[in-house]
């Protein structure tokens, strides 16, 4: 997305503005809620608020692979909730996201070897 491009270039204010525009254009859609999650996660570093927005996006569209994948990445890498991340990666994979399937397989092996 344009927001992620700006963020990766180091322009957090542009990213936040772009994601806010997406939310303003689609306030009742999963893409709008996901955009707010990105603001909370990437810009504000408020992972609890990001989780609320990701959950809202998934209530609107439970089959949104992008939300499932991005929420799982946050849960795994930032929050440390690897089991919940695995559940979300698996669900995204079941819906056709091959990248999520590969990530789920790696995470499943890591969890198995950690026992």
PDB file of N, CA and C in Angstrom:
ATOM      1  N   UNK A   1       0.835  -1.188   0.000  1.00  0.00           N
ATOM      2  CA  UNK A   1       0.000   0.000   0.000  1.00  0.00           C
ATOM      3  C   UNK A   1       0.876   1.246   0.000  1.00  0.00           C
ATOM      4  N   UNK A   2       0.290   2.334  -0.342  1.00  0.00           N
ATOM      5  CA  UNK A   2       1.006   3.613  -0.337  1.00  0.00           C
ATOM      6  C   UNK A   2       1.491   3.950   1.066  1.00  0.00           C
ATOM      7  N   UNK A   3       0.689   3.634   2.064  1.00  0.00           N
ATOM      8  CA  UNK A   3       1.078   3.902   3.447  1.00  0.00           C
ATOM      9  C   UNK A   3       2.333   3.143   3.839  1.00  0.00           C
ATOM     10  N   UNK A   4       2.397   1.859   3.483  1.00  0.00           N
ATOM     11  CA  UNK A   4       3.589   1.077   3.817  1.00  0.00           C
ATOM     12  C   UNK A   4       4.800   1.582   3.051  1.00  0.00           C
ATOM     13  N   UNK A   5       4.607   2.004   1.804  1.00  0.00           N
ATOM     14  CA  UNK A   5       5.725   2.551   1.031  1.00  0.00           C
ATOM     15  C   UNK A   5       6.289   3.787   1.727  1.00  0.00           C
ATOM     16  N   UNK A   6       5.425   4.673   2.155  1.00  0.00           N
ATOM     17  CA  UNK A   6       5.876   5.873   2.871  1.00  0.00           C
ATOM     18  C   UNK A   6       6.563   5.506   4.178  1.00  0.00           C
ATOM     19  N   UNK A   7       5.978   4.557   4.894  1.00  0.00           N
ATOM     20  CA  UNK A   7       6.547   4.140   6.169  1.00  0.00           C
ATOM     21  C   UNK A   7       7.955   3.584   5.976  1.00  0.00           C
ATOM     22  N   UNK A   8       8.118   2.727   4.978  1.00  0.00           N
ATOM     23  CA  UNK A   8       9.433   2.117   4.722  1.00  0.00           C
ATOM     24  C   UNK A   8      10.466   3.140   4.264  1.00  0.00           C
ATOM     25  N   UNK A   9      10.001   4.225   3.682  1.00  0.00           N
ATOM     26  CA  UNK A   9      10.904   5.306   3.295  1.00  0.00           C
ATOM     27  C   UNK A   9      11.202   6.254   4.461  1.00  0.00           C
ATOM     28  N   UNK A  10      10.612   5.967   5.621  1.00  0.00           N
ATOM     29  CA  UNK A  10      10.882   6.756   6.816  1.00  0.00           C
ATOM     30  C   UNK A  10       9.943   7.921   7.034  1.00  0.00           C
ATOM     31  N   UNK A  11       8.917   8.035   6.217  1.00  0.00           N
ATOM     32  CA  UNK A  11       7.976   9.151   6.351  1.00  0.00           C
ATOM     33  C   UNK A  11       6.726   8.682   7.096  1.00  0.00           C
ATOM     34  N   UNK A  12       6.844   8.630   8.423  1.00  0.00           N
ATOM     35  CA  UNK A  12       5.735   8.143   9.245  1.00  0.00           C
ATOM     36  C   UNK A  12       4.516   9.039   9.165  1.00  0.00           C
ATOM     37  N   UNK A  13       4.719  10.341   9.056  1.00  0.00           N
ATOM     38  CA  UNK A  13       3.566  11.243   8.996  1.00  0.00           C
ATOM     39  C   UNK A  13       2.791  11.031   7.699  1.00  0.00           C
ATOM     40  N   UNK A  14       3.478  10.811   6.597  1.00  0.00           N
ATOM     41  CA  UNK A  14       2.782  10.533   5.330  1.00  0.00           C
ATOM     42  C   UNK A  14       2.052   9.202   5.414  1.00  0.00           C
ATOM     43  N   UNK A  15       2.704   8.200   6.007  1.00  0.00           N
ATOM     44  CA  UNK A  15       2.063   6.895   6.156  1.00  0.00           C
ATOM     45  C   UNK A  15       0.784   7.019   6.977  1.00  0.00           C
ATOM     46  N   UNK A  16       0.893   7.730   8.094  1.00  0.00           N
ATOM     47  CA  UNK A  16      -0.279   7.902   8.959  1.00  0.00           C
ATOM     48  C   UNK A  16      -1.398   8.624   8.213  1.00  0.00           C
ATOM     49  N   UNK A  17      -1.058   9.670   7.479  1.00  0.00           N
ATOM     50  CA  UNK A  17      -2.051  10.423   6.715  1.00  0.00           C
ATOM     51  C   UNK A  17      -2.707   9.526   5.653  1.00  0.00           C
ATOM     52  N   UNK A  18      -1.907   8.733   4.949  1.00  0.00           N
ATOM     53  CA  UNK A  18      -2.447   7.863   3.901  1.00  0.00           C
ATOM     54  C   UNK A  18      -3.352   6.790   4.485  1.00  0.00           C
ATOM     55  N   UNK A  19      -2.927   6.186   5.583  1.00  0.00           N
ATOM     56  CA  UNK A  19      -3.771   5.174   6.218  1.00  0.00           C
ATOM     57  C   UNK A  19      -5.050   5.794   6.773  1.00  0.00           C
ATOM     58  N   UNK A  20      -4.952   6.996   7.307  1.00  0.00           N
ATOM     59  CA  UNK A  20      -6.149   7.664   7.812  1.00  0.00           C
ATOM     60  C   UNK A  20      -7.114   7.954   6.672  1.00  0.00           C
ATOM     61  N   UNK A  21      -6.595   8.327   5.510  1.00  0.00           N
ATOM     62  CA  UNK A  21      -7.445   8.562   4.333  1.00  0.00           C
ATOM     63  C   UNK A  21      -8.172   7.286   3.927  1.00  0.00           C
ATOM     64  N   UNK A  22      -7.475   6.156   3.975  1.00  0.00           N
ATOM     65  CA  UNK A  22      -8.121   4.872   3.656  1.00  0.00           C
ATOM     66  C   UNK A  22      -9.258   4.615   4.638  1.00  0.00           C
ATOM     67  N   UNK A  23      -8.982   4.843   5.919  1.00  0.00           N
ATOM     68  CA  UNK A  23     -10.038   4.639   6.914  1.00  0.00           C
ATOM     69  C   UNK A  23     -11.213   5.581   6.663  1.00  0.00           C
ATOM     70  N   UNK A  24     -10.912   6.841   6.375  1.00  0.00           N
ATOM     71  CA  UNK A  24     -11.986   7.816   6.159  1.00  0.00           C
ATOM     72  C   UNK A  24     -12.838   7.471   4.942  1.00  0.00           C
ATOM     73  N   UNK A  25     -12.218   6.887   3.925  1.00  0.00           N
ATOM     74  CA  UNK A  25     -12.960   6.477   2.721  1.00  0.00           C
ATOM     75  C   UNK A  25     -13.762   5.201   2.945  1.00  0.00           C
ATOM     76  N   UNK A  26     -13.295   4.350   3.873  1.00  0.00           N
ATOM     77  CA  UNK A  26     -13.923   3.040   4.093  1.00  0.00           C
ATOM     78  C   UNK A  26     -14.109   2.771   5.593  1.00  0.00           C
ATOM     79  N   UNK A  27     -14.852   3.622   6.290  1.00  0.00           N
ATOM     80  CA  UNK A  27     -14.941   3.487   7.751  1.00  0.00           C
ATOM     81  C   UNK A  27     -15.648   2.224   8.237  1.00  0.00           C
ATOM     82  N   UNK A  28     -16.455   1.613   7.399  1.00  0.00           N
ATOM     83  CA  UNK A  28     -17.203   0.428   7.816  1.00  0.00           C
ATOM     84  C   UNK A  28     -16.710  -0.851   7.141  1.00  0.00           C
ATOM     85  N   UNK A  29     -15.571  -0.744   6.460  1.00  0.00           N
ATOM     86  CA  UNK A  29     -15.006  -1.891   5.744  1.00  0.00           C
ATOM     87  C   UNK A  29     -13.758  -2.400   6.460  1.00  0.00           C
ATOM     88  N   UNK A  30     -13.434  -3.650   6.199  1.00  0.00           N
ATOM     89  CA  UNK A  30     -12.243  -4.246   6.797  1.00  0.00           C
ATOM     90  C   UNK A  30     -10.992  -3.463   6.434  1.00  0.00           C
ATOM     91  N   UNK A  31     -10.904  -2.998   5.207  1.00  0.00           N
ATOM     92  CA  UNK A  31      -9.717  -2.255   4.784  1.00  0.00           C
ATOM     93  C   UNK A  31      -9.542  -0.975   5.604  1.00  0.00           C
ATOM     94  N   UNK A  32     -10.634  -0.336   5.972  1.00  0.00           N
ATOM     95  CA  UNK A  32     -10.555   0.865   6.806  1.00  0.00           C
ATOM     96  C   UNK A  32     -10.092   0.547   8.214  1.00  0.00           C
ATOM     97  N   UNK A  33     -10.630  -0.508   8.794  1.00  0.00           N
ATOM     98  CA  UNK A  33     -10.211  -0.909  10.141  1.00  0.00           C
ATOM     99  C   UNK A  33      -8.752  -1.358  10.134  1.00  0.00           C
ATOM    100  N   UNK A  34      -8.364  -2.068   9.079  1.00  0.00           N
ATOM    101  CA  UNK A  34      -6.979  -2.510   8.976  1.00  0.00           C
ATOM    102  C   UNK A  34      -6.031  -1.312   8.872  1.00  0.00           C
ATOM    103  N   UNK A  35      -6.442  -0.289   8.154  1.00  0.00           N
ATOM    104  CA  UNK A  35      -5.625   0.920   8.042  1.00  0.00           C
ATOM    105  C   UNK A  35      -5.407   1.559   9.415  1.00  0.00           C
ATOM    106  N   UNK A  36      -6.446   1.585  10.233  1.00  0.00           N
ATOM    107  CA  UNK A  36      -6.292   2.112  11.594  1.00  0.00           C
ATOM    108  C   UNK A  36      -5.355   1.217  12.417  1.00  0.00           C
ATOM    109  N   UNK A  37      -5.433  -0.096  12.204  1.00  0.00           N
ATOM    110  CA  UNK A  37      -4.519  -1.005  12.897  1.00  0.00           C
ATOM    111  C   UNK A  37      -3.079  -0.691  12.529  1.00  0.00           C
ATOM    112  N   UNK A  38      -2.842  -0.392  11.253  1.00  0.00           N
ATOM    113  CA  UNK A  38      -1.482  -0.061  10.811  1.00  0.00           C
ATOM    114  C   UNK A  38      -0.978   1.200  11.515  1.00  0.00           C
ATOM    115  N   UNK A  39      -1.844   2.190  11.650  1.00  0.00           N
ATOM    116  CA  UNK A  39      -1.444   3.420  12.349  1.00  0.00           C
ATOM    117  C   UNK A  39      -1.033   3.087  13.779  1.00  0.00           C
ATOM    118  N   UNK A  40      -1.888   2.332  14.458  1.00  0.00           N
ATOM    119  CA  UNK A  40      -1.604   1.995  15.858  1.00  0.00           C
ATOM    120  C   UNK A  40      -0.339   1.159  15.985  1.00  0.00           C
ATOM    121  N   UNK A  41      -0.180   0.186  15.100  1.00  0.00           N
ATOM    122  CA  UNK A  41       0.968  -0.714  15.192  1.00  0.00           C
ATOM    123  C   UNK A  41       2.272  -0.043  14.759  1.00  0.00           C
ATOM    124  N   UNK A  42       2.310   0.470  13.552  1.00  0.00           N
ATOM    125  CA  UNK A  42       3.569   0.936  12.963  1.00  0.00           C
ATOM    126  C   UNK A  42       3.973   2.331  13.418  1.00  0.00           C
ATOM    127  N   UNK A  43       3.008   3.222  13.514  1.00  0.00           N
ATOM    128  CA  UNK A  43       3.333   4.616  13.825  1.00  0.00           C
ATOM    129  C   UNK A  43       3.299   4.868  15.331  1.00  0.00           C
ATOM    130  N   UNK A  44       2.200   4.482  15.970  1.00  0.00           N
ATOM    131  CA  UNK A  44       2.020   4.792  17.392  1.00  0.00           C
ATOM    132  C   UNK A  44       2.640   3.753  18.329  1.00  0.00           C
ATOM    133  N   UNK A  45       2.960   2.572  17.806  1.00  0.00           N
ATOM    134  CA  UNK A  45       3.500   1.469  18.622  1.00  0.00           C
ATOM    135  C   UNK A  45       2.558   1.101  19.765  1.00  0.00           C
ATOM    136  N   UNK A  46       1.262   1.252  19.516  1.00  0.00           N
ATOM    137  CA  UNK A  46       0.223   0.905  20.492  1.00  0.00           C
ATOM    138  C   UNK A  46      -0.388  -0.424  20.046  1.00  0.00           C
ATOM    139  N   UNK A  47       0.227  -1.514  20.491  1.00  0.00           N
ATOM    140  CA  UNK A  47      -0.137  -2.832  19.991  1.00  0.00           C
ATOM    141  C   UNK A  47      -1.495  -3.301  20.508  1.00  0.00           C
ATOM    142  N   UNK A  48      -1.883  -2.855  21.677  1.00  0.00           N
ATOM    143  CA  UNK A  48      -3.223  -3.194  22.185  1.00  0.00           C
ATOM    144  C   UNK A  48      -4.294  -2.558  21.311  1.00  0.00           C
ATOM    145  N   UNK A  49      -4.102  -1.287  20.966  1.00  0.00           N
ATOM    146  CA  UNK A  49      -5.066  -0.611  20.088  1.00  0.00           C
ATOM    147  C   UNK A  49      -5.049  -1.239  18.701  1.00  0.00           C
ATOM    148  N   UNK A  50      -3.871  -1.606  18.220  1.00  0.00           N
ATOM    149  CA  UNK A  50      -3.786  -2.259  16.907  1.00  0.00           C
ATOM    150  C   UNK A  50      -4.583  -3.556  16.916  1.00  0.00           C
ATOM    151  N   UNK A  51      -4.463  -4.324  17.996  1.00  0.00           N
ATOM    152  CA  UNK A  51      -5.204  -5.583  18.100  1.00  0.00           C
ATOM    153  C   UNK A  51      -6.711  -5.341  18.030  1.00  0.00           C
ATOM    154  N   UNK A  52      -7.163  -4.288  18.684  1.00  0.00           N
ATOM    155  CA  UNK A  52      -8.595  -3.960  18.646  1.00  0.00           C
ATOM    156  C   UNK A  52      -9.032  -3.691  17.209  1.00  0.00           C
ATOM    157  N   UNK A  53      -8.232  -2.934  16.467  1.00  0.00           N
ATOM    158  CA  UNK A  53      -8.584  -2.623  15.074  1.00  0.00           C
ATOM    159  C   UNK A  53      -8.498  -3.854  14.176  1.00  0.00           C
ATOM    160  N   UNK A  54      -7.480  -4.693  14.382  1.00  0.00           N
ATOM    161  CA  UNK A  54      -7.404  -5.933  13.598  1.00  0.00           C
ATOM    162  C   UNK A  54      -8.618  -6.813  13.878  1.00  0.00           C
ATOM    163  N   UNK A  55      -9.000  -6.913  15.144  1.00  0.00           N
ATOM    164  CA  UNK A  55     -10.185  -7.709  15.504  1.00  0.00           C
ATOM    165  C   UNK A  55     -11.446  -7.129  14.856  1.00  0.00           C
ATOM    166  N   UNK A  56     -11.546  -5.824  14.847  1.00  0.00           N
ATOM    167  CA  UNK A  56     -12.696  -5.176  14.211  1.00  0.00           C
ATOM    168  C   UNK A  56     -12.725  -5.515  12.718  1.00  0.00           C
ATOM    169  N   UNK A  57     -11.578  -5.443  12.064  1.00  0.00           N
ATOM    170  CA  UNK A  57     -11.506  -5.781  10.635  1.00  0.00           C
ATOM    171  C   UNK A  57     -11.950  -7.221  10.403  1.00  0.00           C
ATOM    172  N   UNK A  58     -11.547  -8.126  11.290  1.00  0.00           N
ATOM    173  CA  UNK A  58     -11.916  -9.535  11.126  1.00  0.00           C
ATOM    174  C   UNK A  58     -13.382  -9.796  11.451  1.00  0.00           C
ATOM    175  N   UNK A  59     -13.980  -8.980  12.308  1.00  0.00           N
ATOM    176  CA  UNK A  59     -15.436  -9.106  12.524  1.00  0.00           C
ATOM    177  C   UNK A  59     -16.184  -8.682  11.265  1.00  0.00           C
ATOM    178  N   UNK A  60     -15.673  -7.660  10.593  1.00  0.00           N
ATOM    179  CA  UNK A  60     -16.306  -7.183   9.358  1.00  0.00           C
ATOM    180  C   UNK A  60     -16.122  -8.208   8.242  1.00  0.00           C
ATOM    181  N   UNK A  61     -14.902  -8.739   8.124  1.00  0.00           N
ATOM    182  CA  UNK A  61     -14.605  -9.711   7.062  1.00  0.00           C
ATOM    183  C   UNK A  61     -13.654 -10.776   7.605  1.00  0.00           C
ATOM    184  N   UNK A  62     -14.219 -11.866   8.130  1.00  0.00           N
ATOM    185  CA  UNK A  62     -13.394 -12.927   8.711  1.00  0.00           C
ATOM    186  C   UNK A  62     -12.475 -13.623   7.706  1.00  0.00           C
ATOM    187  N   UNK A  63     -12.719 -13.434   6.424  1.00  0.00           N
ATOM    188  CA  UNK A  63     -11.900 -14.096   5.406  1.00  0.00           C
ATOM    189  C   UNK A  63     -10.903 -13.142   4.742  1.00  0.00           C
ATOM    190  N   UNK A  64     -10.603 -12.041   5.396  1.00  0.00           N
ATOM    191  CA  UNK A  64      -9.641 -11.073   4.866  1.00  0.00           C
ATOM    192  C   UNK A  64      -8.227 -11.562   5.164  1.00  0.00           C
ATOM    193  N   UNK A  65      -7.610 -12.195   4.169  1.00  0.00           N
ATOM    194  CA  UNK A  65      -6.281 -12.785   4.352  1.00  0.00           C
ATOM    195  C   UNK A  65      -5.230 -11.756   4.735  1.00  0.00           C
ATOM    196  N   UNK A  66      -5.329 -10.555   4.203  1.00  0.00           N
ATOM    197  CA  UNK A  66      -4.330  -9.541   4.520  1.00  0.00           C
ATOM    198  C   UNK A  66      -4.380  -9.179   6.003  1.00  0.00           C
ATOM    199  N   UNK A  67      -5.581  -9.036   6.538  1.00  0.00           N
ATOM    200  CA  UNK A  67      -5.717  -8.746   7.968  1.00  0.00           C
ATOM    201  C   UNK A  67      -5.231  -9.924   8.795  1.00  0.00           C
ATOM    202  N   UNK A  68      -5.632 -11.126   8.418  1.00  0.00           N
ATOM    203  CA  UNK A  68      -5.191 -12.310   9.152  1.00  0.00           C
ATOM    204  C   UNK A  68      -3.666 -12.391   9.193  1.00  0.00           C
ATOM    205  N   UNK A  69      -3.035 -12.190   8.037  1.00  0.00           N
ATOM    206  CA  UNK A  69      -1.583 -12.297   7.955  1.00  0.00           C
ATOM    207  C   UNK A  69      -0.894 -11.199   8.766  1.00  0.00           C
ATOM    208  N   UNK A  70      -1.304  -9.963   8.575  1.00  0.00           N
ATOM    209  CA  UNK A  70      -0.636  -8.855   9.270  1.00  0.00           C
ATOM    210  C   UNK A  70      -0.852  -8.908  10.781  1.00  0.00           C
ATOM    211  N   UNK A  71      -2.034  -9.300  11.195  1.00  0.00           N
ATOM    212  CA  UNK A  71      -2.296  -9.445  12.623  1.00  0.00           C
ATOM    213  C   UNK A  71      -1.411 -10.561  13.184  1.00  0.00           C
ATOM    214  N   UNK A  72      -1.297 -11.660  12.453  1.00  0.00           N
ATOM    215  CA  UNK A  72      -0.461 -12.775  12.898  1.00  0.00           C
ATOM    216  C   UNK A  72       1.003 -12.351  13.029  1.00  0.00           C
ATOM    217  N   UNK A  73       1.483 -11.586  12.062  1.00  0.00           N
ATOM    218  CA  UNK A  73       2.872 -11.109  12.128  1.00  0.00           C
ATOM    219  C   UNK A  73       3.080 -10.266  13.387  1.00  0.00           C
ATOM    220  N   UNK A  74       2.139  -9.370  13.663  1.00  0.00           N
ATOM    221  CA  UNK A  74       2.274  -8.545  14.864  1.00  0.00           C
ATOM    222  C   UNK A  74       2.251  -9.412  16.123  1.00  0.00           C
ATOM    223  N   UNK A  75       1.323 -10.352  16.178  1.00  0.00           N
ATOM    224  CA  UNK A  75       1.224 -11.215  17.354  1.00  0.00           C
ATOM    225  C   UNK A  75       2.497 -12.019  17.565  1.00  0.00           C
ATOM    226  N   UNK A  76       3.054 -12.533  16.479  1.00  0.00           N
ATOM    227  CA  UNK A  76       4.254 -13.354  16.595  1.00  0.00           C
ATOM    228  C   UNK A  76       5.489 -12.516  16.935  1.00  0.00           C
ATOM    229  N   UNK A  77       5.732 -11.480  16.154  1.00  0.00           N
ATOM    230  CA  UNK A  77       7.016 -10.786  16.241  1.00  0.00           C
ATOM    231  C   UNK A  77       7.070  -9.692  17.291  1.00  0.00           C
ATOM    232  N   UNK A  78       5.949  -9.088  17.609  1.00  0.00           N
ATOM    233  CA  UNK A  78       5.961  -7.966  18.549  1.00  0.00           C
ATOM    234  C   UNK A  78       5.362  -8.355  19.901  1.00  0.00           C
ATOM    235  N   UNK A  79       4.229  -9.009  19.862  1.00  0.00           N
ATOM    236  CA  UNK A  79       3.513  -9.340  21.095  1.00  0.00           C
ATOM    237  C   UNK A  79       4.037 -10.632  21.725  1.00  0.00           C
ATOM    238  N   UNK A  80       4.518 -11.544  20.890  1.00  0.00           N
ATOM    239  CA  UNK A  80       5.030 -12.808  21.399  1.00  0.00           C
ATOM    240  C   UNK A  80       3.988 -13.886  21.592  1.00  0.00           C
ATOM    241  N   UNK A  81       2.805 -13.683  21.049  1.00  0.00           N
ATOM    242  CA  UNK A  81       1.731 -14.675  21.149  1.00  0.00           C
ATOM    243  C   UNK A  81       1.810 -15.569  19.910  1.00  0.00           C
ATOM    244  N   UNK A  82       2.749 -16.505  19.942  1.00  0.00           N
ATOM    245  CA  UNK A  82       3.026 -17.327  18.778  1.00  0.00           C
ATOM    246  C   UNK A  82       1.909 -18.331  18.475  1.00  0.00           C
ATOM    247  N   UNK A  83       1.240 -18.821  19.498  1.00  0.00           N
ATOM    248  CA  UNK A  83       0.167 -19.795  19.260  1.00  0.00           C
ATOM    249  C   UNK A  83      -1.013 -19.137  18.539  1.00  0.00           C
ATOM    250  N   UNK A  84      -1.405 -17.957  18.985  1.00  0.00           N
ATOM    251  CA  UNK A  84      -2.494 -17.242  18.311  1.00  0.00           C
ATOM    252  C   UNK A  84      -2.067 -16.851  16.896  1.00  0.00           C
ATOM    253  N   UNK A  85      -0.807 -16.459  16.736  1.00  0.00           N
ATOM    254  CA  UNK A  85      -0.300 -16.139  15.402  1.00  0.00           C
ATOM    255  C   UNK A  85      -0.420 -17.347  14.488  1.00  0.00           C
ATOM    256  N   UNK A  86      -0.064 -18.520  14.991  1.00  0.00           N
ATOM    257  CA  UNK A  86      -0.164 -19.744  14.191  1.00  0.00           C
ATOM    258  C   UNK A  86      -1.603 -19.993  13.757  1.00  0.00           C
ATOM    259  N   UNK A  87      -2.532 -19.790  14.656  1.00  0.00           N
ATOM    260  CA  UNK A  87      -3.947 -19.969  14.321  1.00  0.00           C
ATOM    261  C   UNK A  87      -4.359 -19.048  13.165  1.00  0.00           C
ATOM    262  N   UNK A  88      -3.915 -17.793  13.224  1.00  0.00           N
ATOM    263  CA  UNK A  88      -4.271 -16.840  12.172  1.00  0.00           C
ATOM    264  C   UNK A  88      -3.558 -17.158  10.858  1.00  0.00           C
ATOM    265  N   UNK A  89      -2.273 -17.544  10.925  1.00  0.00           N
ATOM    266  CA  UNK A  89      -1.566 -17.954   9.707  1.00  0.00           C
ATOM    267  C   UNK A  89      -2.268 -19.148   9.070  1.00  0.00           C
ATOM    268  N   UNK A  90      -2.665 -20.126   9.891  1.00  0.00           N
ATOM    269  CA  UNK A  90      -3.362 -21.307   9.367  1.00  0.00           C
ATOM    270  C   UNK A  90      -4.673 -20.922   8.692  1.00  0.00           C
ATOM    271  N   UNK A  91      -5.419 -20.024   9.306  1.00  0.00           N
ATOM    272  CA  UNK A  91      -6.701 -19.616   8.720  1.00  0.00           C
ATOM    273  C   UNK A  91      -6.474 -18.914   7.384  1.00  0.00           C
ATOM    274  N   UNK A  92      -5.480 -18.025   7.329  1.00  0.00           N
ATOM    275  CA  UNK A  92      -5.181 -17.339   6.061  1.00  0.00           C
ATOM    276  C   UNK A  92      -4.758 -18.349   5.005  1.00  0.00           C
ATOM    277  N   UNK A  93      -4.003 -19.354   5.404  1.00  0.00           N
ATOM    278  CA  UNK A  93      -3.581 -20.388   4.463  1.00  0.00           C
ATOM    279  C   UNK A  93      -4.783 -21.177   3.946  1.00  0.00           C
ATOM    280  N   UNK A  94      -5.683 -21.537   4.840  1.00  0.00           N
ATOM    281  CA  UNK A  94      -6.903 -22.249   4.435  1.00  0.00           C
ATOM    282  C   UNK A  94      -7.705 -21.450   3.410  1.00  0.00           C
ATOM    283  N   UNK A  95      -7.593 -20.132   3.478  1.00  0.00           N
ATOM    284  CA  UNK A  95      -8.311 -19.247   2.555  1.00  0.00           C
ATOM    285  C   UNK A  95      -7.513 -18.980   1.269  1.00  0.00           C
ATOM    286  N   UNK A  96      -6.327 -19.607   1.157  1.00  0.00           N
ATOM    287  CA  UNK A  96      -5.575 -19.511  -0.082  1.00  0.00           C
ATOM    288  C   UNK A  96      -4.278 -18.730  -0.035  1.00  0.00           C
ATOM    289  N   UNK A  97      -3.896 -18.203   1.117  1.00  0.00           N
ATOM    290  CA  UNK A  97      -2.664 -17.419   1.225  1.00  0.00           C
ATOM    291  C   UNK A  97      -1.478 -18.367   1.415  1.00  0.00           C
ATOM    292  N   UNK A  98      -0.716 -18.577   0.348  1.00  0.00           N
ATOM    293  CA  UNK A  98       0.413 -19.511   0.395  1.00  0.00           C
ATOM    294  C   UNK A  98       1.554 -19.013   1.289  1.00  0.00           C
ATOM    295  N   UNK A  99       1.771 -17.717   1.308  1.00  0.00           N
ATOM    296  CA  UNK A  99       2.815 -17.162   2.173  1.00  0.00           C
ATOM    297  C   UNK A  99       2.483 -17.444   3.634  1.00  0.00           C
ATOM    298  N   UNK A 100       1.216 -17.294   3.991  1.00  0.00           N
ATOM    299  CA  UNK A 100       0.789 -17.605   5.358  1.00  0.00           C
ATOM    300  C   UNK A 100       1.002 -19.080   5.660  1.00  0.00           C
ATOM    301  N   UNK A 101       0.777 -19.931   4.675  1.00  0.00           N
ATOM    302  CA  UNK A 101       0.997 -21.362   4.864  1.00  0.00           C
ATOM    303  C   UNK A 101       2.453 -21.685   5.137  1.00  0.00           C
ATOM    304  N   UNK A 102       3.354 -21.034   4.406  1.00  0.00           N
ATOM    305  CA  UNK A 102       4.785 -21.253   4.647  1.00  0.00           C
ATOM    306  C   UNK A 102       5.183 -20.749   6.034  1.00  0.00           C
ATOM    307  N   UNK A 103       4.655 -19.581   6.401  1.00  0.00           N
ATOM    308  CA  UNK A 103       4.976 -19.024   7.723  1.00  0.00           C
ATOM    309  C   UNK A 103       4.419 -19.922   8.821  1.00  0.00           C
ATOM    310  N   UNK A 104       3.220 -20.465   8.616  1.00  0.00           N
ATOM    311  CA  UNK A 104       2.623 -21.368   9.605  1.00  0.00           C
ATOM    312  C   UNK A 104       3.484 -22.613   9.786  1.00  0.00           C
ATOM    313  N   UNK A 105       3.985 -23.166   8.702  1.00  0.00           N
ATOM    314  CA  UNK A 105       4.819 -24.375   8.788  1.00  0.00           C
ATOM    315  C   UNK A 105       6.097 -24.093   9.574  1.00  0.00           C
ATOM    316  N   UNK A 106       6.732 -22.969   9.310  1.00  0.00           N
ATOM    317  CA  UNK A 106       7.956 -22.600  10.037  1.00  0.00           C
ATOM    318  C   UNK A 106       7.651 -22.400  11.520  1.00  0.00           C
ATOM    319  N   UNK A 107       6.589 -21.666  11.808  1.00  0.00           N
ATOM    320  CA  UNK A 107       6.231 -21.387  13.198  1.00  0.00           C
ATOM    321  C   UNK A 107       5.836 -22.666  13.921  1.00  0.00           C
ATOM    322  N   UNK A 108       5.105 -23.551  13.248  1.00  0.00           N
ATOM    323  CA  UNK A 108       4.704 -24.816  13.859  1.00  0.00           C
ATOM    324  C   UNK A 108       5.953 -25.628  14.245  1.00  0.00           C
ATOM    325  N   UNK A 109       6.943 -25.665  13.356  1.00  0.00           N
ATOM    326  CA  UNK A 109       8.187 -26.380  13.655  1.00  0.00           C
ATOM    327  C   UNK A 109       8.903 -25.738  14.845  1.00  0.00           C
ATOM    328  N   UNK A 110       8.952 -24.409  14.881  1.00  0.00           N
ATOM    329  CA  UNK A 110       9.604 -23.720  15.998  1.00  0.00           C
ATOM    330  C   UNK A 110       8.915 -24.029  17.312  1.00  0.00           C
ATOM    331  N   UNK A 111       7.603 -24.033  17.304  1.00  0.00           N
ATOM    332  CA  UNK A 111       6.859 -24.317  18.532  1.00  0.00           C
ATOM    333  C   UNK A 111       7.077 -25.772  18.961  1.00  0.00           C
ATOM    334  N   UNK A 112       7.100 -26.672  18.003  1.00  0.00           N
ATOM    335  CA  UNK A 112       7.312 -28.081  18.307  1.00  0.00           C
ATOM    336  C   UNK A 112       8.715 -28.304  18.891  1.00  0.00           C
ATOM    337  N   UNK A 113       9.718 -27.648  18.319  1.00  0.00           N
ATOM    338  CA  UNK A 113      11.092 -27.828  18.776  1.00  0.00           C
ATOM    339  C   UNK A 113      11.362 -27.136  20.106  1.00  0.00           C
ATOM    340  N   UNK A 114      10.509 -26.167  20.477  1.00  0.00           N
ATOM    341  CA  UNK A 114      10.689 -25.434  21.737  1.00  0.00           C
ATOM    342  C   UNK A 114      10.192 -26.244  22.935  1.00  0.00           C
ATOM    343  N   UNK A 115       9.480 -27.320  22.674  1.00  0.00           N
ATOM    344  CA  UNK A 115       8.914 -28.113  23.783  1.00  0.00           C
ATOM    345  C   UNK A 115       9.925 -28.976  24.441  1.00  0.00           C
TER     346      UNK A 115
END
